[in-house]
Amino acid sequence: MLWGLLILGACAGDEHQKMLAHLEELERQNLADSVMANDSLAERLAVYFDQHGTTNERMRAHYILGRTYADLGEAPAALDEYHIAADCADTTATDCDYRILTRVYVQTTSLFYKQLMPNEMLEELSMMEAVAIKAKDTLSWINVDAWKYVAFDLLNEHAKARNSAKSAYSKYLAYFDETTAAECLPALIDILVKEEN
């Protein structure tokens, strides 16, 4: 009986390692900016990790499934998966994968931008900002201001757009360098021109 349980445990461990390897391969494709088109594998991984994974593994699997749907042009399904991924995150755990959680919010913000939905962008950015602060992720924290500029610009809220662009510029300058900060200057110039008209 004990021998049978050991064999079952070893088989389950092998299956888990195999599924993790598949997940890591899809993550490598995503990082390489390859088109994610294997939705059947991504779906299988999400189902598997929902049943057998840790909170981080579930979040990663749903994030990858969301990226796959996005690449296949299925924005509503991608958005659903990103929200499931965010819901999987346990931000009270010391090992919470904030890197993936931040990417989830970047992707949802990007989808809302493509759909010209600035209010929804701002909601996602608010959550991203809280995660970035908790994770001490300075770059993502600053990028929130850069994205807020875009959302406020879409809303024609010029003063808020200007303040967001200035904030991003100042933070990039303080934490990074002049070259990185200079990337905000076209946005500032654009909004100043709009305010003049």
C-alpha atoms as a PDB file:
ATOM      1  CA  MET A   1       0.000   0.000   0.000  1.00  0.00           C
ATOM      2  CA  LEU A   2       2.755   2.450   0.960  1.00  0.00           C
ATOM      3  CA  TRP A   3       4.678   1.587  -2.212  1.00  0.00           C
ATOM      4  CA  GLY A   4       1.588   2.373  -4.316  1.00  0.00           C
ATOM      5  CA  LEU A   5       1.173   5.736  -2.606  1.00  0.00           C
ATOM      6  CA  LEU A   6       4.829   6.565  -3.240  1.00  0.00           C
ATOM      7  CA  ILE A   7       4.440   5.714  -6.921  1.00  0.00           C
ATOM      8  CA  LEU A   8       1.283   7.843  -7.175  1.00  0.00           C
ATOM      9  CA  GLY A   9       3.092  10.711  -5.467  1.00  0.00           C
ATOM     10  CA  ALA A  10       6.042  10.424  -7.839  1.00  0.00           C
ATOM     11  CA  CYS A  11       3.715  10.387 -10.871  1.00  0.00           C
ATOM     12  CA  ALA A  12       1.876  13.458  -9.584  1.00  0.00           C
ATOM     13  CA  GLY A  13       5.212  15.209  -9.018  1.00  0.00           C
ATOM     14  CA  ASP A  14       6.327  14.334 -12.549  1.00  0.00           C
ATOM     15  CA  GLU A  15       3.067  15.691 -13.963  1.00  0.00           C
ATOM     16  CA  HIS A  16       3.459  18.927 -11.995  1.00  0.00           C
ATOM     17  CA  GLN A  17       7.033  19.404 -13.215  1.00  0.00           C
ATOM     18  CA  LYS A  18       5.909  18.753 -16.797  1.00  0.00           C
ATOM     19  CA  MET A  19       3.127  21.336 -16.527  1.00  0.00           C
ATOM     20  CA  LEU A  20       5.521  23.847 -14.928  1.00  0.00           C
ATOM     21  CA  ALA A  21       7.938  23.287 -17.825  1.00  0.00           C
ATOM     22  CA  HIS A  22       5.137  24.010 -20.319  1.00  0.00           C
ATOM     23  CA  LEU A  23       4.183  27.158 -18.395  1.00  0.00           C
ATOM     24  CA  GLU A  24       7.788  28.361 -18.315  1.00  0.00           C
ATOM     25  CA  GLU A  25       8.125  27.746 -22.063  1.00  0.00           C
ATOM     26  CA  LEU A  26       5.052  29.876 -22.766  1.00  0.00           C
ATOM     27  CA  GLU A  27       6.413  32.554 -20.422  1.00  0.00           C
ATOM     28  CA  ARG A  28       9.688  32.560 -22.380  1.00  0.00           C
ATOM     29  CA  GLN A  29       7.738  32.986 -25.628  1.00  0.00           C
ATOM     30  CA  ASN A  30       5.847  35.869 -24.055  1.00  0.00           C
ATOM     31  CA  LEU A  31       9.031  37.566 -22.836  1.00  0.00           C
ATOM     32  CA  ALA A  32      10.538  37.144 -26.312  1.00  0.00           C
ATOM     33  CA  ASP A  33       7.446  38.944 -27.654  1.00  0.00           C
ATOM     34  CA  SER A  34       6.547  35.921 -29.782  1.00  0.00           C
ATOM     35  CA  VAL A  35       2.947  35.592 -30.889  1.00  0.00           C
ATOM     36  CA  MET A  36       1.128  33.430 -28.353  1.00  0.00           C
ATOM     37  CA  ALA A  37      -1.142  31.171 -30.389  1.00  0.00           C
ATOM     38  CA  ASN A  38      -1.329  27.867 -28.482  1.00  0.00           C
ATOM     39  CA  ASP A  39      -4.584  28.522 -26.674  1.00  0.00           C
ATOM     40  CA  SER A  40      -5.309  24.817 -26.098  1.00  0.00           C
ATOM     41  CA  LEU A  41      -2.071  24.385 -24.118  1.00  0.00           C
ATOM     42  CA  ALA A  42      -2.596  27.654 -22.238  1.00  0.00           C
ATOM     43  CA  GLU A  43      -6.157  26.602 -21.369  1.00  0.00           C
ATOM     44  CA  ARG A  44      -4.960  23.175 -20.159  1.00  0.00           C
ATOM     45  CA  LEU A  45      -2.351  24.846 -17.974  1.00  0.00           C
ATOM     46  CA  ALA A  46      -4.926  27.184 -16.409  1.00  0.00           C
ATOM     47  CA  VAL A  47      -7.231  24.252 -15.632  1.00  0.00           C
ATOM     48  CA  TYR A  48      -4.376  22.165 -14.251  1.00  0.00           C
ATOM     49  CA  PHE A  49      -2.955  24.887 -11.997  1.00  0.00           C
ATOM     50  CA  ASP A  50      -6.422  25.855 -10.788  1.00  0.00           C
ATOM     51  CA  GLN A  51      -6.656  22.326  -9.410  1.00  0.00           C
ATOM     52  CA  HIS A  52      -3.057  21.627  -8.435  1.00  0.00           C
ATOM     53  CA  GLY A  53      -1.140  24.887  -8.288  1.00  0.00           C
ATOM     54  CA  THR A  54      -0.072  27.479  -5.787  1.00  0.00           C
ATOM     55  CA  THR A  55      -1.571  30.960  -5.912  1.00  0.00           C
ATOM     56  CA  ASN A  56       1.443  32.181  -7.898  1.00  0.00           C
ATOM     57  CA  GLU A  57       1.213  29.290 -10.365  1.00  0.00           C
ATOM     58  CA  ARG A  58      -2.501  29.930 -10.883  1.00  0.00           C
ATOM     59  CA  MET A  59      -1.829  33.636 -11.419  1.00  0.00           C
ATOM     60  CA  ARG A  60       0.949  32.886 -13.923  1.00  0.00           C
ATOM     61  CA  ALA A  61      -1.185  30.388 -15.852  1.00  0.00           C
ATOM     62  CA  HIS A  62      -4.147  32.756 -16.163  1.00  0.00           C
ATOM     63  CA  TYR A  63      -1.844  35.630 -17.109  1.00  0.00           C
ATOM     64  CA  ILE A  64      -0.349  33.517 -19.924  1.00  0.00           C
ATOM     65  CA  LEU A  65      -3.825  32.456 -21.036  1.00  0.00           C
ATOM     66  CA  GLY A  66      -4.800  36.130 -21.117  1.00  0.00           C
ATOM     67  CA  ARG A  67      -1.718  36.978 -23.199  1.00  0.00           C
ATOM     68  CA  THR A  68      -2.612  34.136 -25.579  1.00  0.00           C
ATOM     69  CA  TYR A  69      -6.184  35.348 -26.003  1.00  0.00           C
ATOM     70  CA  ALA A  70      -4.918  38.907 -26.543  1.00  0.00           C
ATOM     71  CA  ASP A  71      -2.576  37.732 -29.311  1.00  0.00           C
ATOM     72  CA  LEU A  72      -5.468  35.820 -30.892  1.00  0.00           C
ATOM     73  CA  GLY A  73      -7.518  39.036 -30.944  1.00  0.00           C
ATOM     74  CA  GLU A  74      -9.954  37.896 -28.264  1.00  0.00           C
ATOM     75  CA  ALA A  75      -9.850  40.977 -26.038  1.00  0.00           C
ATOM     76  CA  PRO A  76     -12.888  40.165 -23.836  1.00  0.00           C
ATOM     77  CA  ALA A  77     -11.542  36.678 -23.053  1.00  0.00           C
ATOM     78  CA  ALA A  78      -8.082  38.148 -22.412  1.00  0.00           C
ATOM     79  CA  LEU A  79      -9.531  40.703 -20.007  1.00  0.00           C
ATOM     80  CA  ASP A  80     -11.446  37.973 -18.159  1.00  0.00           C
ATOM     81  CA  GLU A  81      -8.255  35.945 -17.745  1.00  0.00           C
ATOM     82  CA  TYR A  82      -6.267  38.939 -16.529  1.00  0.00           C
ATOM     83  CA  HIS A  83      -8.909  39.620 -13.899  1.00  0.00           C
ATOM     84  CA  ILE A  84      -8.866  35.952 -12.851  1.00  0.00           C
ATOM     85  CA  ALA A  85      -5.064  36.160 -12.633  1.00  0.00           C
ATOM     86  CA  ALA A  86      -5.251  39.249 -10.411  1.00  0.00           C
ATOM     87  CA  ASP A  87      -7.837  37.530  -8.215  1.00  0.00           C
ATOM     88  CA  CYS A  88      -5.464  34.567  -7.776  1.00  0.00           C
ATOM     89  CA  ALA A  89      -2.756  36.773  -6.279  1.00  0.00           C
ATOM     90  CA  ASP A  90      -2.277  36.532  -2.538  1.00  0.00           C
ATOM     91  CA  THR A  91      -0.775  39.920  -1.732  1.00  0.00           C
ATOM     92  CA  THR A  92      -0.614  38.976   1.954  1.00  0.00           C
ATOM     93  CA  ALA A  93       1.862  36.176   1.194  1.00  0.00           C
ATOM     94  CA  THR A  94       5.568  36.917   1.451  1.00  0.00           C
ATOM     95  CA  ASP A  95       6.190  35.073  -1.827  1.00  0.00           C
ATOM     96  CA  CYS A  96       3.522  36.875  -3.883  1.00  0.00           C
ATOM     97  CA  ASP A  97       4.800  37.237  -7.466  1.00  0.00           C
ATOM     98  CA  TYR A  98       4.350  40.990  -7.808  1.00  0.00           C
ATOM     99  CA  ARG A  99       6.257  40.966 -11.097  1.00  0.00           C
ATOM    100  CA  ILE A 100       3.474  38.963 -12.751  1.00  0.00           C
ATOM    101  CA  LEU A 101       0.744  40.919 -10.970  1.00  0.00           C
ATOM    102  CA  THR A 102       2.208  44.179 -12.272  1.00  0.00           C
ATOM    103  CA  ARG A 103       2.255  42.740 -15.796  1.00  0.00           C
ATOM    104  CA  VAL A 104      -1.390  41.787 -15.417  1.00  0.00           C
ATOM    105  CA  TYR A 105      -2.258  45.432 -14.723  1.00  0.00           C
ATOM    106  CA  VAL A 106      -0.080  46.646 -17.597  1.00  0.00           C
ATOM    107  CA  GLN A 107      -1.948  44.324 -19.955  1.00  0.00           C
ATOM    108  CA  THR A 108      -5.409  45.299 -18.723  1.00  0.00           C
ATOM    109  CA  THR A 109      -4.495  48.977 -18.991  1.00  0.00           C
ATOM    110  CA  SER A 110      -3.237  48.398 -22.524  1.00  0.00           C
ATOM    111  CA  LEU A 111      -6.438  46.594 -23.523  1.00  0.00           C
ATOM    112  CA  PHE A 112      -8.564  49.414 -22.143  1.00  0.00           C
ATOM    113  CA  TYR A 113      -6.382  51.935 -23.987  1.00  0.00           C
ATOM    114  CA  LYS A 114      -6.929  50.099 -27.282  1.00  0.00           C
ATOM    115  CA  GLN A 115     -10.669  50.234 -26.626  1.00  0.00           C
ATOM    116  CA  LEU A 116     -10.395  53.954 -25.730  1.00  0.00           C
ATOM    117  CA  MET A 117     -11.731  53.385 -22.210  1.00  0.00           C
ATOM    118  CA  PRO A 118      -9.747  55.879 -20.074  1.00  0.00           C
ATOM    119  CA  ASN A 119     -11.835  55.557 -16.899  1.00  0.00           C
ATOM    120  CA  GLU A 120     -11.212  51.811 -16.852  1.00  0.00           C
ATOM    121  CA  MET A 121      -7.518  52.489 -17.500  1.00  0.00           C
ATOM    122  CA  LEU A 122      -7.418  54.702 -14.416  1.00  0.00           C
ATOM    123  CA  GLU A 123      -9.040  51.979 -12.275  1.00  0.00           C
ATOM    124  CA  GLU A 124      -6.418  49.433 -13.357  1.00  0.00           C
ATOM    125  CA  LEU A 125      -3.626  51.957 -12.845  1.00  0.00           C
ATOM    126  CA  SER A 126      -4.800  52.615  -9.312  1.00  0.00           C
ATOM    127  CA  MET A 127      -4.452  48.899  -8.528  1.00  0.00           C
ATOM    128  CA  MET A 128      -1.098  48.729 -10.321  1.00  0.00           C
ATOM    129  CA  GLU A 129       0.197  51.667  -8.296  1.00  0.00           C
ATOM    130  CA  ALA A 130      -0.743  49.984  -5.004  1.00  0.00           C
ATOM    131  CA  VAL A 131       1.000  46.768  -6.081  1.00  0.00           C
ATOM    132  CA  ALA A 132       4.096  48.618  -7.309  1.00  0.00           C
ATOM    133  CA  ILE A 133       4.420  50.476  -4.003  1.00  0.00           C
ATOM    134  CA  LYS A 134       3.985  47.283  -1.997  1.00  0.00           C
ATOM    135  CA  ALA A 135       6.543  45.496  -4.182  1.00  0.00           C
ATOM    136  CA  LYS A 136       8.961  48.463  -4.098  1.00  0.00           C
ATOM    137  CA  ASP A 137       8.920  48.338  -7.919  1.00  0.00           C
ATOM    138  CA  THR A 138      10.062  51.862  -8.727  1.00  0.00           C
ATOM    139  CA  LEU A 139       9.855  51.581 -12.504  1.00  0.00           C
ATOM    140  CA  SER A 140       6.269  50.301 -12.486  1.00  0.00           C
ATOM    141  CA  TRP A 141       5.338  52.945  -9.922  1.00  0.00           C
ATOM    142  CA  ILE A 142       6.656  55.679 -12.225  1.00  0.00           C
ATOM    143  CA  ASN A 143       5.093  54.079 -15.315  1.00  0.00           C
ATOM    144  CA  VAL A 144       1.698  54.483 -13.659  1.00  0.00           C
ATOM    145  CA  ASP A 145       2.089  58.271 -14.000  1.00  0.00           C
ATOM    146  CA  ALA A 146       3.113  57.921 -17.644  1.00  0.00           C
ATOM    147  CA  TRP A 147      -0.003  55.824 -18.333  1.00  0.00           C
ATOM    148  CA  LYS A 148      -2.196  58.233 -16.340  1.00  0.00           C
ATOM    149  CA  TYR A 149      -1.089  60.981 -18.697  1.00  0.00           C
ATOM    150  CA  VAL A 150      -2.527  58.946 -21.591  1.00  0.00           C
ATOM    151  CA  ALA A 151      -5.826  58.290 -19.802  1.00  0.00           C
ATOM    152  CA  PHE A 152      -6.279  61.923 -18.763  1.00  0.00           C
ATOM    153  CA  ASP A 153      -5.386  63.049 -22.273  1.00  0.00           C
ATOM    154  CA  LEU A 154      -8.139  60.795 -23.664  1.00  0.00           C
ATOM    155  CA  LEU A 155     -10.545  62.372 -21.162  1.00  0.00           C
ATOM    156  CA  ASN A 156      -9.422  65.871 -22.260  1.00  0.00           C
ATOM    157  CA  GLU A 157      -8.460  66.621 -18.669  1.00  0.00           C
ATOM    158  CA  HIS A 158      -5.433  68.649 -19.634  1.00  0.00           C
ATOM    159  CA  ALA A 159      -4.359  69.809 -16.176  1.00  0.00           C
ATOM    160  CA  LYS A 160      -4.380  66.258 -14.814  1.00  0.00           C
ATOM    161  CA  ALA A 161      -2.573  65.004 -17.928  1.00  0.00           C
ATOM    162  CA  ARG A 162       0.084  67.708 -17.530  1.00  0.00           C
ATOM    163  CA  ASN A 163       0.532  66.910 -13.820  1.00  0.00           C
ATOM    164  CA  SER A 164       0.892  63.189 -14.566  1.00  0.00           C
ATOM    165  CA  ALA A 165       3.467  63.802 -17.296  1.00  0.00           C
ATOM    166  CA  LYS A 166       5.405  66.197 -15.027  1.00  0.00           C
ATOM    167  CA  SER A 167       5.282  63.680 -12.191  1.00  0.00           C
ATOM    168  CA  ALA A 168       6.594  60.902 -14.438  1.00  0.00           C
ATOM    169  CA  TYR A 169       9.352  63.186 -15.739  1.00  0.00           C
ATOM    170  CA  SER A 170      10.441  64.205 -12.216  1.00  0.00           C
ATOM    171  CA  LYS A 171      10.420  60.633 -10.938  1.00  0.00           C
ATOM    172  CA  TYR A 172      12.350  59.265 -13.939  1.00  0.00           C
ATOM    173  CA  LEU A 173      14.888  62.026 -13.409  1.00  0.00           C
ATOM    174  CA  ALA A 174      15.171  61.305  -9.681  1.00  0.00           C
ATOM    175  CA  TYR A 175      15.368  57.521  -9.903  1.00  0.00           C
ATOM    176  CA  PHE A 176      16.878  56.872 -13.320  1.00  0.00           C
ATOM    177  CA  ASP A 177      18.549  59.310 -15.731  1.00  0.00           C
ATOM    178  CA  GLU A 178      17.986  62.278 -18.025  1.00  0.00           C
ATOM    179  CA  THR A 179      17.606  60.089 -21.122  1.00  0.00           C
ATOM    180  CA  THR A 180      14.774  58.092 -19.567  1.00  0.00           C
ATOM    181  CA  ALA A 181      13.144  61.254 -18.220  1.00  0.00           C
ATOM    182  CA  ALA A 182      13.386  62.922 -21.636  1.00  0.00           C
ATOM    183  CA  GLU A 183      10.969  60.332 -23.021  1.00  0.00           C
ATOM    184  CA  CYS A 184       8.215  62.228 -21.164  1.00  0.00           C
ATOM    185  CA  LEU A 185       8.986  65.539 -22.837  1.00  0.00           C
ATOM    186  CA  PRO A 186       6.947  64.941 -26.032  1.00  0.00           C
ATOM    187  CA  ALA A 187       3.893  64.238 -23.861  1.00  0.00           C
ATOM    188  CA  LEU A 188       4.487  67.432 -21.882  1.00  0.00           C
ATOM    189  CA  ILE A 189       4.926  69.483 -25.058  1.00  0.00           C
ATOM    190  CA  ASP A 190       1.800  67.927 -26.568  1.00  0.00           C
ATOM    191  CA  ILE A 191      -0.349  68.737 -23.569  1.00  0.00           C
ATOM    192  CA  LEU A 192       1.028  72.294 -23.312  1.00  0.00           C
ATOM    193  CA  VAL A 193       0.126  72.865 -26.970  1.00  0.00           C
ATOM    194  CA  LYS A 194      -3.398  71.526 -26.333  1.00  0.00           C
ATOM    195  CA  GLU A 195      -3.789  73.825 -23.345  1.00  0.00           C
ATOM    196  CA  GLU A 196      -2.836  76.823 -25.501  1.00  0.00           C
ATOM    197  CA  ASN A 197      -5.573  76.026 -28.033  1.00  0.00           C
END
